Every structure is written in structure tokens, then in C-alpha cells.
């Protein structure tokens, strides 16, 4: 299953209902394009366990501001509606998968 492209409403609903991994990105961001395939692989590998999605900081500025996203890509892990881990910049799939174990 591909990564979910969240609207602000979908994002708030998802993080309140279950653990989630969210990639804050933008279409014009080079490093975001590098991380994109990794996020898609993560979404496939965690398909039945943890929702993995993307939120475009240009379309959902208020969400990015609420979570203090200053640099992109930023990947935030949520549990019980609260941020529990954050990675800024391009990360390896292995590093992101390892961190996901804390959400299960």
C-alpha cells in the first residue's frame, strides 16, 4: 500500500487513532524527493501495522507550524497523538524501520 497523502483533517484523525509515521515534505525539495522512495518502502513494509503518510508543508502549513517543522524532509513518529521521535533530513530505510519498532 502506498504512503497516505494526508490532508490536515486526515492527519489529525490518523495520529489520534493509532501510532503513525508522517513525512513532512514539499514537491520542490530535492532531499524530499530522495527520501520519497524510502517512505514508500516503509509504507509497504509496515502496511498492516502502522500507517505511514506524507504531508505537504505547502498545502498544510498550519500542521507544519504546529509541530515546529523548520527543515524538510522531517519524519515524525506519533503514538497516542503525541510526537515520540523525529528525524530531520534524508534517513536510511533501516534507521526508520528500527525506530518504528518502538511504535508497535
Protein backbone atom coordinates (compact mmCIF):
# COMPACT_ATOMS: atom_id res chain seq x y z
CA UNK A 1 0.00 0.00 0.00
CA UNK A 2 1.47 3.40 -0.90
CA UNK A 3 2.04 6.10 1.67
CA UNK A 4 -1.08 8.09 2.51
CA UNK A 5 -1.12 11.71 1.33
CA UNK A 6 -2.70 13.39 4.34
CA UNK A 7 -4.92 16.43 4.43
CA UNK A 8 -4.86 18.28 7.76
CA UNK A 9 -8.11 16.52 8.80
CA UNK A 10 -6.88 13.04 7.84
CA UNK A 11 -3.60 13.68 9.63
CA UNK A 12 -5.28 14.69 12.89
CA UNK A 13 -7.69 11.74 12.73
CA UNK A 14 -4.94 9.20 11.98
CA UNK A 15 -2.49 10.28 14.70
CA UNK A 16 -5.27 10.34 17.29
CA UNK A 17 -6.41 6.78 16.45
CA UNK A 18 -3.14 4.87 16.08
CA UNK A 19 0.62 5.12 16.00
CA UNK A 20 1.72 6.77 12.75
CA UNK A 21 4.80 7.83 10.81
CA UNK A 22 4.50 11.10 8.91
CA UNK A 23 6.91 12.58 6.37
CA UNK A 24 6.70 16.38 6.17
CA UNK A 25 7.84 17.30 2.65
CA UNK A 26 7.34 19.58 -0.37
CA UNK A 27 7.31 18.97 -4.12
CA UNK A 28 10.17 21.44 -4.72
CA UNK A 29 12.50 19.87 -2.11
CA UNK A 30 15.40 17.83 -3.55
CA UNK A 31 16.18 15.85 -0.37
CA UNK A 32 12.43 15.13 -0.02
CA UNK A 33 12.48 13.53 -3.47
CA UNK A 34 15.42 11.38 -2.36
CA UNK A 35 13.52 10.27 0.76
CA UNK A 36 10.23 9.66 -1.10
CA UNK A 37 11.02 6.10 -2.28
CA UNK A 38 12.21 5.18 1.23
CA UNK A 39 8.89 6.39 2.69
CA UNK A 40 7.00 4.33 0.09
CA UNK A 41 9.03 1.21 1.01
CA UNK A 42 8.36 1.88 4.69
CA UNK A 43 4.62 2.15 3.96
CA UNK A 44 4.68 -1.23 2.19
CA UNK A 45 6.68 -2.99 4.90
CA UNK A 46 4.55 -1.61 7.74
CA UNK A 47 1.26 -1.86 5.82
CA UNK A 48 -0.74 -3.83 8.37
CA UNK A 49 0.98 -2.41 11.45
CA UNK A 50 1.50 1.35 11.31
CA UNK A 51 0.04 3.97 8.94
CA UNK A 52 2.78 5.77 7.01
CA UNK A 53 1.94 9.03 5.31
CA UNK A 54 3.15 12.27 3.85
CA UNK A 55 2.03 15.80 4.50
CA UNK A 56 2.89 18.58 2.04
CA UNK A 57 4.08 21.56 4.09
CA UNK A 58 2.88 23.98 1.38
CA UNK A 59 -0.66 22.57 1.45
CA UNK A 60 -0.83 22.14 5.24
CA UNK A 61 1.26 24.99 6.63
CA UNK A 62 -0.71 25.09 9.88
CA UNK A 63 0.16 21.48 10.70
CA UNK A 64 3.85 22.03 9.90
CA UNK A 65 3.85 25.14 12.10
CA UNK A 66 2.03 23.33 14.93
CA UNK A 67 4.79 20.71 15.04
CA UNK A 68 7.64 23.17 14.56
CA UNK A 69 8.82 21.72 11.26
CA UNK A 70 11.59 24.10 10.19
CA UNK A 71 13.55 21.89 7.78
CA UNK A 72 12.31 19.30 5.34
CA UNK A 73 12.20 16.42 5.00
CA UNK A 74 11.20 15.82 8.60
CA UNK A 75 9.80 12.44 9.61
CA UNK A 76 7.82 12.40 12.85
CA UNK A 77 6.65 9.30 14.73
CA UNK A 78 3.41 9.66 16.67
CA UNK A 79 1.94 7.48 19.41
CA UNK A 80 -1.34 8.28 21.19
CA UNK A 81 -1.49 11.57 19.28
CA UNK A 82 1.87 12.74 20.64
CA UNK A 83 5.23 13.08 18.90
CA UNK A 84 7.65 10.44 20.20
CA UNK A 85 10.53 10.66 17.70
CA UNK A 86 11.76 12.97 14.95
CA UNK A 87 14.28 12.66 12.14
CA UNK A 88 15.37 15.66 10.06
CA UNK A 89 16.97 15.13 6.65
CA UNK A 90 17.31 12.05 4.48
CA UNK A 91 17.43 8.83 6.52
CA UNK A 92 18.03 5.19 5.64
CA UNK A 93 15.11 2.78 5.49
CA UNK A 94 16.86 0.64 8.11
CA UNK A 95 17.07 3.54 10.57
CA UNK A 96 13.40 4.42 10.07
CA UNK A 97 12.30 0.78 10.39
CA UNK A 98 14.33 0.32 13.57
CA UNK A 99 12.65 3.37 15.11
CA UNK A 100 9.22 2.08 14.02
CA UNK A 101 9.64 -0.91 16.37
CA UNK A 102 9.09 1.49 19.28
CA UNK A 103 5.58 2.25 17.97
CA UNK A 104 4.38 -1.37 17.73
